[in-house]
Amino acid sequence: MKYNFIDLFAGIGGFHLALSSYGAKCVFASEWDKEAANTYKINFGIEPKGDITIIDEKDIPPHDIICGGFPCQAFSIAGKRGGFEDI
């Protein structure tokens, strides 16, 4: 059975790599960061939609799996490293 997935808060596509390696197909991606979205498009040929909070749910194709990337800025050296207390 082939699974379809959506990639929310997609970043540069870590979940995409993992699921596609098992034969799943990405049918929708959402990422608000323009640079990350551009990298995702270059890597996978899918242009992520913007902010998921303003996307109409009717515009999201049928899917079997929902991927949602955890915001990494609070834990990354590129961010403030506030962990779970980062607001």
PDB file of N, CA and C in Angstrom:
ATOM      1  N   MET A   1       0.849  -1.191   0.000  1.00  0.00           N
ATOM      2  CA  MET A   1       0.000   0.000   0.000  1.00  0.00           C
ATOM      3  C   MET A   1       0.888   1.246   0.000  1.00  0.00           C
ATOM      4  N   LYS A   2       0.556   2.173  -0.844  1.00  0.00           N
ATOM      5  CA  LYS A   2       1.298   3.430  -0.925  1.00  0.00           C
ATOM      6  C   LYS A   2       0.600   4.474  -0.060  1.00  0.00           C
ATOM      7  N   TYR A   3       1.361   5.175   0.751  1.00  0.00           N
ATOM      8  CA  TYR A   3       0.818   6.199   1.638  1.00  0.00           C
ATOM      9  C   TYR A   3       1.107   7.582   1.089  1.00  0.00           C
ATOM     10  N   ASN A   4       0.156   8.492   1.281  1.00  0.00           N
ATOM     11  CA  ASN A   4       0.343   9.911   0.981  1.00  0.00           C
ATOM     12  C   ASN A   4       0.514  10.649   2.301  1.00  0.00           C
ATOM     13  N   PHE A   5       1.413  11.628   2.299  1.00  0.00           N
ATOM     14  CA  PHE A   5       1.591  12.411   3.519  1.00  0.00           C
ATOM     15  C   PHE A   5       1.603  13.900   3.214  1.00  0.00           C
ATOM     16  N   ILE A   6       1.306  14.690   4.264  1.00  0.00           N
ATOM     17  CA  ILE A   6       1.460  16.133   4.190  1.00  0.00           C
ATOM     18  C   ILE A   6       2.564  16.518   5.165  1.00  0.00           C
ATOM     19  N   ASP A   7       3.315  17.524   4.807  1.00  0.00           N
ATOM     20  CA  ASP A   7       4.504  17.934   5.552  1.00  0.00           C
ATOM     21  C   ASP A   7       4.276  19.360   6.064  1.00  0.00           C
ATOM     22  N   LEU A   8       3.842  19.482   7.322  1.00  0.00           N
ATOM     23  CA  LEU A   8       3.556  20.782   7.915  1.00  0.00           C
ATOM     24  C   LEU A   8       4.768  21.255   8.716  1.00  0.00           C
ATOM     25  N   PHE A   9       5.011  22.570   8.725  1.00  0.00           N
ATOM     26  CA  PHE A   9       6.201  23.125   9.377  1.00  0.00           C
ATOM     27  C   PHE A   9       7.416  22.378   8.839  1.00  0.00           C
ATOM     28  N   ALA A  10       7.486  22.304   7.518  1.00  0.00           N
ATOM     29  CA  ALA A  10       8.350  21.366   6.809  1.00  0.00           C
ATOM     30  C   ALA A  10       9.839  21.665   6.901  1.00  0.00           C
ATOM     31  N   GLY A  11      10.203  22.892   7.202  1.00  0.00           N
ATOM     32  CA  GLY A  11      11.627  23.214   7.216  1.00  0.00           C
ATOM     33  C   GLY A  11      12.242  22.912   5.860  1.00  0.00           C
ATOM     34  N   ILE A  12      13.391  22.253   5.869  1.00  0.00           N
ATOM     35  CA  ILE A  12      14.051  21.910   4.604  1.00  0.00           C
ATOM     36  C   ILE A  12      13.749  20.480   4.170  1.00  0.00           C
ATOM     37  N   GLY A  13      12.919  19.757   4.957  1.00  0.00           N
ATOM     38  CA  GLY A  13      12.429  18.474   4.473  1.00  0.00           C
ATOM     39  C   GLY A  13      12.921  17.212   5.149  1.00  0.00           C
ATOM     40  N   GLY A  14      13.255  17.251   6.416  1.00  0.00           N
ATOM     41  CA  GLY A  14      13.706  16.052   7.118  1.00  0.00           C
ATOM     42  C   GLY A  14      12.669  14.937   7.116  1.00  0.00           C
ATOM     43  N   PHE A  15      11.414  15.280   7.425  1.00  0.00           N
ATOM     44  CA  PHE A  15      10.356  14.269   7.396  1.00  0.00           C
ATOM     45  C   PHE A  15      10.135  13.755   5.978  1.00  0.00           C
ATOM     46  N   HIS A  16      10.236  14.658   5.021  1.00  0.00           N
ATOM     47  CA  HIS A  16      10.059  14.264   3.616  1.00  0.00           C
ATOM     48  C   HIS A  16      11.081  13.184   3.238  1.00  0.00           C
ATOM     49  N   LEU A  17      12.325  13.410   3.593  1.00  0.00           N
ATOM     50  CA  LEU A  17      13.370  12.429   3.291  1.00  0.00           C
ATOM     51  C   LEU A  17      13.045  11.077   3.920  1.00  0.00           C
ATOM     52  N   ALA A  18      12.656  11.104   5.195  1.00  0.00           N
ATOM     53  CA  ALA A  18      12.388   9.855   5.902  1.00  0.00           C
ATOM     54  C   ALA A  18      11.226   9.088   5.282  1.00  0.00           C
ATOM     55  N   LEU A  19      10.098   9.758   5.089  1.00  0.00           N
ATOM     56  CA  LEU A  19       8.915   9.059   4.584  1.00  0.00           C
ATOM     57  C   LEU A  19       9.070   8.640   3.123  1.00  0.00           C
ATOM     58  N   SER A  20       9.658   9.483   2.307  1.00  0.00           N
ATOM     59  CA  SER A  20       9.814   9.113   0.902  1.00  0.00           C
ATOM     60  C   SER A  20      10.773   7.935   0.744  1.00  0.00           C
ATOM     61  N   SER A  21      11.695   7.777   1.681  1.00  0.00           N
ATOM     62  CA  SER A  21      12.607   6.632   1.611  1.00  0.00           C
ATOM     63  C   SER A  21      11.866   5.311   1.809  1.00  0.00           C
ATOM     64  N   TYR A  22      10.670   5.371   2.377  1.00  0.00           N
ATOM     65  CA  TYR A  22       9.823   4.184   2.549  1.00  0.00           C
ATOM     66  C   TYR A  22       8.728   4.100   1.494  1.00  0.00           C
ATOM     67  N   GLY A  23       8.795   4.978   0.494  1.00  0.00           N
ATOM     68  CA  GLY A  23       7.852   4.919  -0.609  1.00  0.00           C
ATOM     69  C   GLY A  23       6.621   5.785  -0.462  1.00  0.00           C
ATOM     70  N   ALA A  24       6.521   6.557   0.615  1.00  0.00           N
ATOM     71  CA  ALA A  24       5.377   7.459   0.788  1.00  0.00           C
ATOM     72  C   ALA A  24       5.531   8.663  -0.138  1.00  0.00           C
ATOM     73  N   LYS A  25       4.412   9.252  -0.512  1.00  0.00           N
ATOM     74  CA  LYS A  25       4.407  10.389  -1.440  1.00  0.00           C
ATOM     75  C   LYS A  25       3.893  11.643  -0.726  1.00  0.00           C
ATOM     76  N   CYS A  26       4.645  12.718  -0.837  1.00  0.00           N
ATOM     77  CA  CYS A  26       4.231  14.001  -0.268  1.00  0.00           C
ATOM     78  C   CYS A  26       3.235  14.654  -1.213  1.00  0.00           C
ATOM     79  N   VAL A  27       2.046  14.991  -0.701  1.00  0.00           N
ATOM     80  CA  VAL A  27       1.015  15.610  -1.529  1.00  0.00           C
ATOM     81  C   VAL A  27       0.780  17.075  -1.162  1.00  0.00           C
ATOM     82  N   PHE A  28       1.441  17.554  -0.093  1.00  0.00           N
ATOM     83  CA  PHE A  28       1.260  18.939   0.339  1.00  0.00           C
ATOM     84  C   PHE A  28       2.352  19.266   1.353  1.00  0.00           C
ATOM     85  N   ALA A  29       2.891  20.474   1.255  1.00  0.00           N
ATOM     86  CA  ALA A  29       3.867  20.936   2.239  1.00  0.00           C
ATOM     87  C   ALA A  29       3.560  22.382   2.607  1.00  0.00           C
ATOM     88  N   SER A  30       3.853  22.718   3.857  1.00  0.00           N
ATOM     89  CA  SER A  30       3.657  24.071   4.345  1.00  0.00           C
ATOM     90  C   SER A  30       4.877  24.501   5.149  1.00  0.00           C
ATOM     91  N   GLU A  31       5.404  25.678   4.832  1.00  0.00           N
ATOM     92  CA  GLU A  31       6.554  26.249   5.550  1.00  0.00           C
ATOM     93  C   GLU A  31       6.523  27.751   5.366  1.00  0.00           C
ATOM     94  N   TRP A  32       6.578  28.499   6.453  1.00  0.00           N
ATOM     95  CA  TRP A  32       6.474  29.953   6.358  1.00  0.00           C
ATOM     96  C   TRP A  32       7.819  30.636   6.109  1.00  0.00           C
ATOM     97  N   ASP A  33       8.924  30.001   6.488  1.00  0.00           N
ATOM     98  CA  ASP A  33      10.237  30.602   6.291  1.00  0.00           C
ATOM     99  C   ASP A  33      10.622  30.510   4.812  1.00  0.00           C
ATOM    100  N   LYS A  34      10.849  31.645   4.189  1.00  0.00           N
ATOM    101  CA  LYS A  34      11.084  31.686   2.750  1.00  0.00           C
ATOM    102  C   LYS A  34      12.349  30.928   2.323  1.00  0.00           C
ATOM    103  N   GLU A  35      13.413  31.051   3.079  1.00  0.00           N
ATOM    104  CA  GLU A  35      14.659  30.359   2.717  1.00  0.00           C
ATOM    105  C   GLU A  35      14.510  28.850   2.862  1.00  0.00           C
ATOM    106  N   ALA A  36      13.879  28.412   3.940  1.00  0.00           N
ATOM    107  CA  ALA A  36      13.656  26.977   4.123  1.00  0.00           C
ATOM    108  C   ALA A  36      12.741  26.445   3.026  1.00  0.00           C
ATOM    109  N   ALA A  37      11.682  27.202   2.712  1.00  0.00           N
ATOM    110  CA  ALA A  37      10.749  26.782   1.660  1.00  0.00           C
ATOM    111  C   ALA A  37      11.454  26.690   0.307  1.00  0.00           C
ATOM    112  N   ASN A  38      12.349  27.623   0.036  1.00  0.00           N
ATOM    113  CA  ASN A  38      13.100  27.588  -1.220  1.00  0.00           C
ATOM    114  C   ASN A  38      13.988  26.344  -1.278  1.00  0.00           C
ATOM    115  N   THR A  39      14.651  26.024  -0.183  1.00  0.00           N
ATOM    116  CA  THR A  39      15.484  24.822  -0.125  1.00  0.00           C
ATOM    117  C   THR A  39      14.632  23.572  -0.329  1.00  0.00           C
ATOM    118  N   TYR A  40      13.465  23.540   0.293  1.00  0.00           N
ATOM    119  CA  TYR A  40      12.542  22.403   0.142  1.00  0.00           C
ATOM    120  C   TYR A  40      12.165  22.235  -1.325  1.00  0.00           C
ATOM    121  N   LYS A  41      11.852  23.347  -1.976  1.00  0.00           N
ATOM    122  CA  LYS A  41      11.471  23.298  -3.390  1.00  0.00           C
ATOM    123  C   LYS A  41      12.622  22.783  -4.256  1.00  0.00           C
ATOM    124  N   ILE A  42      13.824  23.257  -3.987  1.00  0.00           N
ATOM    125  CA  ILE A  42      14.992  22.801  -4.746  1.00  0.00           C
ATOM    126  C   ILE A  42      15.215  21.304  -4.520  1.00  0.00           C
ATOM    127  N   ASN A  43      15.089  20.868  -3.274  1.00  0.00           N
ATOM    128  CA  ASN A  43      15.364  19.469  -2.936  1.00  0.00           C
ATOM    129  C   ASN A  43      14.305  18.489  -3.449  1.00  0.00           C
ATOM    130  N   PHE A  44      13.023  18.910  -3.437  1.00  0.00           N
ATOM    131  CA  PHE A  44      11.950  17.956  -3.693  1.00  0.00           C
ATOM    132  C   PHE A  44      11.009  18.337  -4.840  1.00  0.00           C
ATOM    133  N   GLY A  45      11.173  19.526  -5.410  1.00  0.00           N
ATOM    134  CA  GLY A  45      10.314  19.940  -6.512  1.00  0.00           C
ATOM    135  C   GLY A  45       8.906  20.298  -6.095  1.00  0.00           C
ATOM    136  N   ILE A  46       8.701  20.508  -4.810  1.00  0.00           N
ATOM    137  CA  ILE A  46       7.390  20.892  -4.280  1.00  0.00           C
ATOM    138  C   ILE A  46       7.546  22.256  -3.622  1.00  0.00           C
ATOM    139  N   GLU A  47       6.724  23.209  -4.030  1.00  0.00           N
ATOM    140  CA  GLU A  47       6.785  24.529  -3.415  1.00  0.00           C
ATOM    141  C   GLU A  47       5.851  24.555  -2.210  1.00  0.00           C
ATOM    142  N   PRO A  48       6.403  24.633  -0.993  1.00  0.00           N
ATOM    143  CA  PRO A  48       5.545  24.664   0.180  1.00  0.00           C
ATOM    144  C   PRO A  48       4.655  25.897   0.198  1.00  0.00           C
ATOM    145  N   LYS A  49       3.423  25.685   0.624  1.00  0.00           N
ATOM    146  CA  LYS A  49       2.520  26.808   0.858  1.00  0.00           C
ATOM    147  C   LYS A  49       3.045  27.538   2.080  1.00  0.00           C
ATOM    148  N   GLY A  50       2.558  28.710   2.328  1.00  0.00           N
ATOM    149  CA  GLY A  50       3.043  29.527   3.436  1.00  0.00           C
ATOM    150  C   GLY A  50       2.511  29.096   4.788  1.00  0.00           C
ATOM    151  N   ASP A  51       2.104  30.060   5.555  1.00  0.00           N
ATOM    152  CA  ASP A  51       1.644  29.888   6.936  1.00  0.00           C
ATOM    153  C   ASP A  51       0.416  28.981   6.996  1.00  0.00           C
ATOM    154  N   ILE A  52       0.541  27.860   7.680  1.00  0.00           N
ATOM    155  CA  ILE A  52      -0.549  26.888   7.750  1.00  0.00           C
ATOM    156  C   ILE A  52      -1.795  27.463   8.422  1.00  0.00           C
ATOM    157  N   THR A  53      -1.618  28.476   9.248  1.00  0.00           N
ATOM    158  CA  THR A  53      -2.781  29.038   9.950  1.00  0.00           C
ATOM    159  C   THR A  53      -3.713  29.825   9.037  1.00  0.00           C
ATOM    160  N   ILE A  54      -3.250  30.135   7.819  1.00  0.00           N
ATOM    161  CA  ILE A  54      -4.122  30.875   6.901  1.00  0.00           C
ATOM    162  C   ILE A  54      -4.497  30.063   5.659  1.00  0.00           C
ATOM    163  N   ILE A  55      -4.126  28.791   5.660  1.00  0.00           N
ATOM    164  CA  ILE A  55      -4.465  27.908   4.541  1.00  0.00           C
ATOM    165  C   ILE A  55      -5.802  27.242   4.829  1.00  0.00           C
ATOM    166  N   ASP A  56      -6.705  27.301   3.875  1.00  0.00           N
ATOM    167  CA  ASP A  56      -8.013  26.670   4.027  1.00  0.00           C
ATOM    168  C   ASP A  56      -7.843  25.160   3.998  1.00  0.00           C
ATOM    169  N   GLU A  57      -8.412  24.489   4.961  1.00  0.00           N
ATOM    170  CA  GLU A  57      -8.264  23.026   5.034  1.00  0.00           C
ATOM    171  C   GLU A  57      -8.764  22.318   3.786  1.00  0.00           C
ATOM    172  N   LYS A  58      -9.675  22.958   3.048  1.00  0.00           N
ATOM    173  CA  LYS A  58     -10.183  22.360   1.809  1.00  0.00           C
ATOM    174  C   LYS A  58      -9.105  22.316   0.725  1.00  0.00           C
ATOM    175  N   ASP A  59      -8.041  23.109   0.902  1.00  0.00           N
ATOM    176  CA  ASP A  59      -6.949  23.147  -0.073  1.00  0.00           C
ATOM    177  C   ASP A  59      -5.864  22.100   0.207  1.00  0.00           C
ATOM    178  N   ILE A  60      -6.060  21.313   1.254  1.00  0.00           N
ATOM    179  CA  ILE A  60      -5.096  20.270   1.603  1.00  0.00           C
ATOM    180  C   ILE A  60      -5.611  18.940   1.060  1.00  0.00           C
ATOM    181  N   PRO A  61      -4.827  18.292   0.199  1.00  0.00           N
ATOM    182  CA  PRO A  61      -5.285  17.047  -0.430  1.00  0.00           C
ATOM    183  C   PRO A  61      -5.491  15.921   0.597  1.00  0.00           C
ATOM    184  N   PRO A  62      -6.252  14.905   0.206  1.00  0.00           N
ATOM    185  CA  PRO A  62      -6.406  13.733   1.076  1.00  0.00           C
ATOM    186  C   PRO A  62      -5.034  13.115   1.373  1.00  0.00           C
ATOM    187  N   HIS A  63      -4.874  12.612   2.586  1.00  0.00           N
ATOM    188  CA  HIS A  63      -3.581  12.081   3.006  1.00  0.00           C
ATOM    189  C   HIS A  63      -3.775  11.012   4.080  1.00  0.00           C
ATOM    190  N   ASP A  64      -2.759  10.194   4.237  1.00  0.00           N
ATOM    191  CA  ASP A  64      -2.771   9.133   5.236  1.00  0.00           C
ATOM    192  C   ASP A  64      -1.970   9.503   6.479  1.00  0.00           C
ATOM    193  N   ILE A  65      -0.939  10.317   6.290  1.00  0.00           N
ATOM    194  CA  ILE A  65      -0.020  10.661   7.371  1.00  0.00           C
ATOM    195  C   ILE A  65       0.159  12.175   7.419  1.00  0.00           C
ATOM    196  N   ILE A  66       0.164  12.718   8.637  1.00  0.00           N
ATOM    197  CA  ILE A  66       0.470  14.140   8.847  1.00  0.00           C
ATOM    198  C   ILE A  66       1.819  14.222   9.543  1.00  0.00           C
ATOM    199  N   CYS A  67       2.750  14.930   8.931  1.00  0.00           N
ATOM    200  CA  CYS A  67       4.039  15.209   9.567  1.00  0.00           C
ATOM    201  C   CYS A  67       4.010  16.650  10.042  1.00  0.00           C
ATOM    202  N   GLY A  68       4.523  16.887  11.232  1.00  0.00           N
ATOM    203  CA  GLY A  68       4.599  18.241  11.758  1.00  0.00           C
ATOM    204  C   GLY A  68       5.931  18.446  12.447  1.00  0.00           C
ATOM    205  N   GLY A  69       6.781  19.225  11.839  1.00  0.00           N
ATOM    206  CA  GLY A  69       8.101  19.463  12.413  1.00  0.00           C
ATOM    207  C   GLY A  69       8.034  20.318  13.666  1.00  0.00           C
ATOM    208  N   PHE A  70       8.744  19.893  14.665  1.00  0.00           N
ATOM    209  CA  PHE A  70       8.840  20.620  15.925  1.00  0.00           C
ATOM    210  C   PHE A  70       9.711  21.846  15.708  1.00  0.00           C
ATOM    211  N   PRO A  71       9.303  23.019  16.184  1.00  0.00           N
ATOM    212  CA  PRO A  71      10.142  24.218  15.997  1.00  0.00           C
ATOM    213  C   PRO A  71      11.513  24.025  16.645  1.00  0.00           C
ATOM    214  N   CYS A  72      12.543  24.147  15.857  1.00  0.00           N
ATOM    215  CA  CYS A  72      13.881  23.850  16.369  1.00  0.00           C
ATOM    216  C   CYS A  72      14.620  25.071  16.891  1.00  0.00           C
ATOM    217  N   GLN A  73      14.148  26.270  16.607  1.00  0.00           N
ATOM    218  CA  GLN A  73      14.904  27.467  16.977  1.00  0.00           C
ATOM    219  C   GLN A  73      15.195  27.532  18.477  1.00  0.00           C
ATOM    220  N   ALA A  74      14.249  27.080  19.290  1.00  0.00           N
ATOM    221  CA  ALA A  74      14.440  27.142  20.739  1.00  0.00           C
ATOM    222  C   ALA A  74      15.531  26.188  21.232  1.00  0.00           C
ATOM    223  N   PHE A  75      15.893  25.216  20.408  1.00  0.00           N
ATOM    224  CA  PHE A  75      16.872  24.211  20.818  1.00  0.00           C
ATOM    225  C   PHE A  75      18.165  24.290  20.022  1.00  0.00           C
ATOM    226  N   SER A  76      18.167  25.070  18.971  1.00  0.00           N
ATOM    227  CA  SER A  76      19.303  25.142  18.065  1.00  0.00           C
ATOM    228  C   SER A  76      20.273  26.237  18.491  1.00  0.00           C
ATOM    229  N   ILE A  77      21.555  26.042  18.170  1.00  0.00           N
ATOM    230  CA  ILE A  77      22.531  27.103  18.429  1.00  0.00           C
ATOM    231  C   ILE A  77      22.255  28.318  17.548  1.00  0.00           C
ATOM    232  N   ALA A  78      21.431  28.135  16.506  1.00  0.00           N
ATOM    233  CA  ALA A  78      21.058  29.260  15.652  1.00  0.00           C
ATOM    234  C   ALA A  78      19.986  30.119  16.315  1.00  0.00           C
ATOM    235  N   GLY A  79      19.351  29.607  17.354  1.00  0.00           N
ATOM    236  CA  GLY A  79      18.303  30.342  18.068  1.00  0.00           C
ATOM    237  C   GLY A  79      18.792  30.826  19.422  1.00  0.00           C
ATOM    238  N   LYS A  80      17.857  31.160  20.292  1.00  0.00           N
ATOM    239  CA  LYS A  80      18.197  31.684  21.621  1.00  0.00           C
ATOM    240  C   LYS A  80      18.465  30.587  22.644  1.00  0.00           C
ATOM    241  N   ARG A  81      18.213  29.331  22.276  1.00  0.00           N
ATOM    242  CA  ARG A  81      18.437  28.177  23.141  1.00  0.00           C
ATOM    243  C   ARG A  81      17.642  28.262  24.429  1.00  0.00           C
ATOM    244  N   GLY A  82      16.402  28.751  24.338  1.00  0.00           N
ATOM    245  CA  GLY A  82      15.547  28.851  25.507  1.00  0.00           C
ATOM    246  C   GLY A  82      14.814  27.562  25.826  1.00  0.00           C
ATOM    247  N   GLY A  83      14.990  26.556  24.998  1.00  0.00           N
ATOM    248  CA  GLY A  83      14.320  25.270  25.235  1.00  0.00           C
ATOM    249  C   GLY A  83      12.820  25.411  25.296  1.00  0.00           C
ATOM    250  N   PHE A  84      12.193  24.641  26.166  1.00  0.00           N
ATOM    251  CA  PHE A  84      10.736  24.668  26.263  1.00  0.00           C
ATOM    252  C   PHE A  84      10.221  25.981  26.862  1.00  0.00           C
ATOM    253  N   GLU A  85      11.110  26.786  27.435  1.00  0.00           N
ATOM    254  CA  GLU A  85      10.707  28.077  28.016  1.00  0.00           C
ATOM    255  C   GLU A  85      10.715  29.194  26.980  1.00  0.00           C
ATOM    256  N   ASP A  86      11.237  28.930  25.786  1.00  0.00           N
ATOM    257  CA  ASP A  86      11.331  29.939  24.726  1.00  0.00           C
ATOM    258  C   ASP A  86       9.928  30.282  24.226  1.00  0.00           C
ATOM    259  N   ILE A  87       9.637  31.531  24.212  1.00  0.00           N
ATOM    260  CA  ILE A  87       8.313  31.979  23.743  1.00  0.00           C
ATOM    261  C   ILE A  87       8.458  32.793  22.486  1.00  0.00           C
TER     262      ILE A  87
END
